[in-house]
Amino acid sequence: MFAMFLFLGYNFIMEMDLKEHRGKIQRVLLIILALNWLVAGAKIIFGILTRCSSITADGFHSLSDGASNIIGLIGITLACQPKDEDHPYGHRKYETFFSLGIAALLLVVSFNIIKGGISRIFKPVTPIINLESFIIMLLTLIINILVVRYEYKRGKQLQSDILVSDSLHTKADILISASVIIALVVIKLGYPIIDPIATMIIGLFIVHAAIEIIRDAANILCDTSPIVNIKKISDIVLGVKGVKTCHKIRARGRPDDIHVDLHVQVNPDMHVDTAHRVSYAIEEAIKNGIPEVQDVVVHIEPREKS
């Protein structure tokens, strides 16, 4: 009976921790969503009024940032659900899966922007460049820099794929906004052809950001080892009393939700109870040495006498 209450208490605490973690990420996403839509609205409206396609394209890129925040909010709600009978390893990969939605959105936006840039080359339109154009772009650039620093920092602190990948998305905005400001200067000097060229460059920046997100998500979903130096695990295990050797070490999962399985050899005369305690000691040692590890499966084998 005591064990049952202990188990229920542990599950309750874990569920509360997940809810608190989810709430922190959701608050960050809501703040970023409001800022992204503010920036997007300013760029799109001003880009249309001045007939500057590069500013408008930059605005739609910022608008896609807001859409990715919404995708992130949905993804994190699913990802932070506690373990259940159908999902014994939890739901954390939903967050990684939904980051692919952000990448898909980026690819669609980039296609339309590049297509619009090509169209402007064959049907040129002279944009209206004035002091207000530079002020709008500089202000939105400053906001983007602050957003990226805040979201990336919080993403690392909360170990959230959604926040980190979304900050990479917004990071592209900084480069894009800077390139648009340079383009405005060149256009003002009498070279309006730079406007559609800058628009297409923006599209390529967005493609690059999408590819980075897809690569990172694919590594997690395809079980690429999140621990590059497997020897680190071996050194920890060999330090446990009773372990003779260890081999077949494997790791998978997200950087903040790592699952490890391995084989260890012990003295063939070791009693089952002792071997069981050794396996628990190995699990505890690995989790203490690598806090990101959430689960360890140890296969005990007798070491052959030489």
Protein backbone atom coordinates (compact mmCIF):
# COMPACT_ATOMS: atom_id res chain seq x y z
CA MET A 1 0.00 0.00 0.00
CA PHE A 2 2.82 2.38 0.91
CA ALA A 3 4.53 1.63 -2.41
CA MET A 4 1.29 2.48 -4.26
CA PHE A 5 1.00 5.86 -2.50
CA LEU A 6 4.68 6.53 -3.21
CA PHE A 7 4.17 5.72 -6.90
CA LEU A 8 1.07 7.93 -7.13
CA GLY A 9 2.88 10.74 -5.32
CA TYR A 10 5.84 10.53 -7.71
CA ASN A 11 3.54 10.63 -10.76
CA PHE A 12 1.70 13.65 -9.31
CA ILE A 13 4.97 15.54 -8.76
CA MET A 14 6.19 14.67 -12.27
CA GLU A 15 2.90 15.86 -13.77
CA MET A 16 3.12 19.15 -11.85
CA ASP A 17 6.71 19.64 -13.06
CA LEU A 18 5.62 19.04 -16.66
CA LYS A 19 2.77 21.55 -16.33
CA GLU A 20 5.11 24.16 -14.85
CA HIS A 21 7.67 23.52 -17.63
CA ARG A 22 4.96 23.79 -20.28
CA GLY A 23 3.63 27.01 -18.75
CA LYS A 24 7.06 28.67 -18.86
CA ILE A 25 7.55 27.80 -22.54
CA GLN A 26 4.02 28.93 -23.42
CA ARG A 27 4.58 32.31 -21.74
CA VAL A 28 7.76 32.84 -23.78
CA LEU A 29 5.95 31.92 -27.01
CA LEU A 30 3.07 34.31 -26.28
CA ILE A 31 5.47 37.21 -25.66
CA ILE A 32 7.37 36.44 -28.88
CA LEU A 33 4.10 36.03 -30.81
CA ALA A 34 2.95 39.55 -29.85
CA LEU A 35 6.32 41.09 -30.80
CA ASN A 36 6.51 39.20 -34.11
CA TRP A 37 3.05 40.31 -35.19
CA LEU A 38 3.84 43.90 -34.21
CA VAL A 39 6.99 43.82 -36.35
CA ALA A 40 5.23 42.02 -39.23
CA GLY A 41 2.33 44.48 -39.32
CA ALA A 42 4.66 47.49 -39.42
CA LYS A 43 6.78 46.05 -42.26
CA ILE A 44 3.88 44.80 -44.42
CA ILE A 45 1.84 47.99 -44.16
CA PHE A 46 4.82 50.24 -44.81
CA GLY A 47 6.14 47.97 -47.59
CA ILE A 48 2.80 48.13 -49.43
CA LEU A 49 2.52 51.91 -49.01
CA THR A 50 6.05 52.47 -50.36
CA ARG A 51 5.81 49.73 -53.03
CA CYS A 52 9.05 48.23 -51.67
CA SER A 53 8.83 44.45 -52.17
CA SER A 54 11.88 43.70 -50.02
CA ILE A 55 10.28 45.37 -46.97
CA THR A 56 6.98 43.59 -47.67
CA ALA A 57 8.79 40.24 -48.06
CA ASP A 58 10.59 40.85 -44.79
CA GLY A 59 7.22 41.56 -43.20
CA PHE A 60 5.74 38.28 -44.42
CA HIS A 61 8.77 36.49 -43.05
CA SER A 62 8.06 38.09 -39.66
CA LEU A 63 4.40 37.08 -40.04
CA SER A 64 5.50 33.47 -40.54
CA ASP A 65 7.41 33.85 -37.25
CA GLY A 66 4.08 34.50 -35.56
CA ALA A 67 2.49 31.50 -37.26
CA SER A 68 5.38 29.33 -36.08
CA ASN A 69 4.76 30.57 -32.53
CA ILE A 70 1.19 29.29 -32.79
CA ILE A 71 2.46 25.92 -34.06
CA GLY A 72 4.89 25.92 -31.15
CA LEU A 73 2.09 26.53 -28.64
CA ILE A 74 0.16 23.54 -30.00
CA GLY A 75 3.28 21.36 -30.08
CA ILE A 76 4.40 22.12 -26.52
CA THR A 77 0.90 21.43 -25.17
CA LEU A 78 1.08 17.90 -26.60
CA ALA A 79 4.77 17.39 -25.77
CA CYS A 80 4.39 18.06 -22.04
CA GLN A 81 1.68 15.46 -21.44
CA PRO A 82 2.82 12.89 -18.85
CA LYS A 83 3.68 9.29 -19.73
CA ASP A 84 0.74 6.95 -20.25
CA GLU A 85 0.03 3.36 -21.26
CA ASP A 86 0.22 4.12 -24.98
CA HIS A 87 3.27 6.40 -24.64
CA PRO A 88 5.57 4.81 -22.02
CA TYR A 89 8.46 7.02 -23.18
CA GLY A 90 6.41 10.19 -22.88
CA HIS A 91 5.35 12.70 -25.54
CA ARG A 92 8.47 14.86 -25.82
CA LYS A 93 9.06 14.04 -29.51
CA TYR A 94 5.83 15.84 -30.38
CA GLU A 95 7.76 19.06 -29.80
CA THR A 96 10.41 17.93 -32.29
CA PHE A 97 7.72 16.81 -34.75
CA PHE A 98 5.96 20.18 -34.62
CA SER A 99 9.25 21.97 -35.25
CA LEU A 100 9.04 20.35 -38.70
CA GLY A 101 5.80 22.28 -39.17
CA ILE A 102 7.76 25.49 -38.67
CA ALA A 103 10.25 24.34 -41.32
CA ALA A 104 7.45 23.51 -43.79
CA LEU A 105 5.93 26.95 -43.23
CA LEU A 106 9.30 28.57 -43.92
CA LEU A 107 9.68 26.68 -47.21
CA VAL A 108 6.23 27.80 -48.40
CA VAL A 109 6.95 31.43 -47.49
CA SER A 110 10.38 31.34 -49.18
CA PHE A 111 8.89 29.94 -52.40
CA ASN A 112 6.34 32.74 -52.63
CA ILE A 113 8.93 35.42 -51.83
CA ILE A 114 11.41 34.17 -54.46
CA LYS A 115 8.61 33.91 -57.02
CA GLY A 116 7.56 37.51 -56.24
CA GLY A 117 11.17 38.70 -56.62
CA ILE A 118 11.49 37.08 -60.04
CA SER A 119 8.20 38.67 -61.11
CA ARG A 120 9.47 42.13 -60.06
CA ILE A 121 12.57 41.73 -62.27
CA PHE A 122 10.43 41.32 -65.38
CA LYS A 123 7.83 43.86 -64.23
CA PRO A 124 9.90 46.47 -62.37
CA VAL A 125 8.30 48.85 -59.87
CA THR A 126 10.22 51.81 -58.44
CA PRO A 127 9.77 51.84 -54.65
CA ILE A 128 9.39 55.01 -52.59
CA ILE A 129 12.35 55.29 -50.23
CA ASN A 130 12.30 57.95 -47.50
CA LEU A 131 13.50 58.54 -43.94
CA GLU A 132 10.51 56.66 -42.51
CA SER A 133 11.61 53.53 -44.40
CA PHE A 134 14.93 53.49 -42.59
CA ILE A 135 13.35 54.26 -39.20
CA ILE A 136 10.88 51.36 -39.53
CA MET A 137 13.59 48.91 -40.53
CA LEU A 138 15.99 50.01 -37.77
CA LEU A 139 13.31 49.76 -35.07
CA THR A 140 12.19 46.30 -36.20
CA LEU A 141 15.84 45.20 -36.43
CA ILE A 142 16.40 46.18 -32.79
CA ILE A 143 13.24 44.31 -31.73
CA ASN A 144 14.38 41.20 -33.65
CA ILE A 145 17.78 41.24 -31.95
CA LEU A 146 16.16 41.43 -28.51
CA VAL A 147 13.67 38.67 -29.42
CA VAL A 148 16.38 36.29 -30.64
CA ARG A 149 18.56 36.77 -27.57
CA TYR A 150 15.63 36.31 -25.19
CA GLU A 151 14.05 33.31 -26.95
CA TYR A 152 17.33 31.45 -27.54
CA LYS A 153 18.44 31.98 -23.94
CA ARG A 154 15.11 30.76 -22.57
CA GLY A 155 15.09 27.85 -25.03
CA LYS A 156 18.46 26.65 -23.73
CA GLN A 157 17.41 27.17 -20.10
CA LEU A 158 14.17 25.22 -20.60
CA GLN A 159 15.81 22.74 -23.06
CA SER A 160 13.03 23.37 -25.58
CA ASP A 161 13.42 22.43 -29.27
CA ILE A 162 10.50 24.67 -30.14
CA LEU A 163 12.05 27.80 -28.61
CA VAL A 164 15.55 27.12 -29.96
CA SER A 165 14.36 26.34 -33.51
CA ASP A 166 12.00 29.32 -33.45
CA SER A 167 14.85 31.60 -32.33
CA LEU A 168 16.91 30.36 -35.31
CA HIS A 169 13.94 31.29 -37.49
CA THR A 170 13.88 34.79 -35.99
CA LYS A 171 17.68 35.01 -36.21
CA ALA A 172 17.30 34.94 -39.97
CA ASP A 173 15.16 38.08 -39.58
CA ILE A 174 18.17 39.98 -38.26
CA LEU A 175 20.26 39.17 -41.34
CA ILE A 176 17.30 39.83 -43.60
CA SER A 177 16.43 43.19 -42.03
CA ALA A 178 20.09 44.25 -42.23
CA SER A 179 20.20 43.29 -45.92
CA VAL A 180 16.98 45.22 -46.56
CA ILE A 181 18.48 48.36 -44.96
CA ILE A 182 21.53 48.04 -47.25
CA ALA A 183 19.20 47.52 -50.21
CA LEU A 184 17.27 50.68 -49.31
CA VAL A 185 20.50 52.67 -49.40
CA VAL A 186 21.40 51.27 -52.85
CA ILE A 187 17.85 51.89 -54.15
CA LYS A 188 18.03 55.48 -52.89
CA LEU A 189 21.27 55.88 -54.86
CA GLY A 190 19.34 55.10 -58.04
CA TYR A 191 19.43 51.31 -58.47
CA PRO A 192 15.83 50.04 -57.99
CA ILE A 193 16.76 46.64 -59.49
CA ILE A 194 18.30 45.84 -56.08
CA ASP A 195 14.80 45.61 -54.56
CA PRO A 196 13.74 42.32 -56.28
CA ILE A 197 17.27 40.94 -55.93
CA ALA A 198 17.20 41.59 -52.17
CA THR A 199 13.76 39.99 -52.06
CA MET A 200 15.11 36.75 -53.58
CA ILE A 201 18.10 36.76 -51.22
CA ILE A 202 15.64 36.98 -48.33
CA GLY A 203 13.88 33.91 -49.72
CA LEU A 204 17.18 31.99 -49.76
CA PHE A 205 17.89 32.97 -46.14
CA ILE A 206 14.52 31.51 -45.16
CA VAL A 207 15.28 28.26 -47.04
CA HIS A 208 18.55 27.95 -45.11
CA ALA A 209 16.76 28.38 -41.77
CA ALA A 210 14.22 25.70 -42.74
CA ILE A 211 16.96 23.22 -43.69
CA GLU A 212 18.69 23.73 -40.31
CA ILE A 213 15.47 22.97 -38.43
CA ILE A 214 14.74 19.88 -40.58
CA ARG A 215 18.27 18.56 -40.03
CA ASP A 216 18.06 18.90 -36.24
CA ALA A 217 14.59 17.36 -36.06
CA ALA A 218 15.59 14.46 -38.34
CA ASN A 219 18.53 13.62 -36.07
CA ILE A 220 16.17 13.25 -33.11
CA LEU A 221 13.35 11.43 -34.90
CA CYS A 222 15.80 9.01 -36.55
CA ASP A 223 17.44 8.23 -33.18
CA THR A 224 20.83 9.76 -33.90
CA SER A 225 22.85 9.43 -30.69
CA PRO A 226 22.50 12.62 -28.61
CA ILE A 227 25.74 11.72 -26.80
CA VAL A 228 28.72 12.08 -29.12
CA ASN A 229 31.29 10.77 -26.64
CA ILE A 230 30.00 7.31 -25.65
CA LYS A 231 33.25 6.76 -23.72
CA LYS A 232 31.87 9.15 -21.10
CA ILE A 233 29.17 6.58 -20.28
CA SER A 234 31.72 3.74 -20.30
CA ASP A 235 33.96 5.58 -17.82
CA ILE A 236 31.01 6.16 -15.47
CA VAL A 237 29.89 2.52 -15.62
CA LEU A 238 33.37 1.09 -15.08
CA GLY A 239 33.59 3.17 -11.92
CA VAL A 240 30.69 1.21 -10.36
CA LYS A 241 31.82 -1.49 -7.94
CA GLY A 242 31.28 -5.01 -9.32
CA VAL A 243 31.39 -4.07 -13.02
CA LYS A 244 34.11 -5.84 -15.00
CA THR A 245 33.44 -4.55 -18.51
CA CYS A 246 30.69 -2.82 -20.46
CA HIS A 247 29.80 -2.84 -24.16
CA LYS A 248 26.96 -2.36 -26.68
CA ILE A 249 26.29 1.14 -25.33
CA ARG A 250 23.51 2.94 -27.18
CA ALA A 251 21.78 6.29 -26.65
CA ARG A 252 18.80 7.90 -28.34
CA GLY A 253 16.23 10.64 -27.82
CA ARG A 254 16.21 14.41 -27.51
CA PRO A 255 19.11 16.30 -25.89
CA ASP A 256 16.97 16.79 -22.76
CA ASP A 257 15.33 13.33 -22.79
CA ILE A 258 18.08 10.75 -23.40
CA HIS A 259 17.50 6.99 -23.16
CA VAL A 260 20.51 4.71 -22.70
CA ASP A 261 20.86 0.93 -22.89
CA LEU A 262 24.03 -1.09 -22.40
CA HIS A 263 25.45 -4.50 -21.52
CA VAL A 264 27.74 -5.02 -18.53
CA GLN A 265 29.69 -8.07 -17.44
CA VAL A 266 30.02 -9.06 -13.79
CA ASN A 267 31.54 -11.93 -11.85
CA PRO A 268 29.69 -15.15 -12.91
CA ASP A 269 29.41 -16.18 -9.24
CA MET A 270 27.59 -12.95 -8.29
CA HIS A 271 24.22 -13.49 -6.61
CA VAL A 272 21.12 -12.25 -8.44
CA ASP A 273 20.29 -9.76 -5.66
CA THR A 274 23.78 -8.28 -5.83
CA ALA A 275 23.65 -8.07 -9.62
CA HIS A 276 20.30 -6.29 -9.32
CA ARG A 277 21.81 -3.72 -6.93
CA VAL A 278 24.73 -3.22 -9.33
CA SER A 279 22.30 -2.44 -12.18
CA TYR A 280 20.56 0.18 -10.03
CA ALA A 281 23.92 1.66 -9.04
CA ILE A 282 24.83 1.92 -12.75
CA GLU A 283 21.55 3.68 -13.55
CA GLU A 284 22.01 6.15 -10.69
CA ALA A 285 25.65 6.83 -11.62
CA ILE A 286 24.77 7.57 -15.27
CA LYS A 287 21.87 9.87 -14.35
CA ASN A 288 24.06 11.75 -11.87
CA GLY A 289 26.93 12.04 -14.34
CA ILE A 290 24.70 13.02 -17.29
CA PRO A 291 21.58 14.82 -15.94
CA GLU A 292 19.90 14.81 -19.38
CA VAL A 293 19.56 10.99 -19.20
CA GLN A 294 16.02 10.04 -18.17
CA ASP A 295 16.08 6.26 -18.58
CA VAL A 296 18.75 3.54 -18.41
CA VAL A 297 18.33 -0.15 -19.30
CA VAL A 298 21.14 -2.41 -18.05
CA HIS A 299 21.63 -5.96 -19.36
CA ILE A 300 23.71 -7.99 -16.90
CA GLU A 301 25.96 -10.73 -18.31
CA PRO A 302 28.37 -13.15 -16.60
CA ARG A 303 31.99 -12.56 -17.48
CA GLU A 304 33.60 -15.71 -18.80
CA LYS A 305 36.44 -16.97 -16.66
CA SER A 306 39.76 -16.93 -18.50
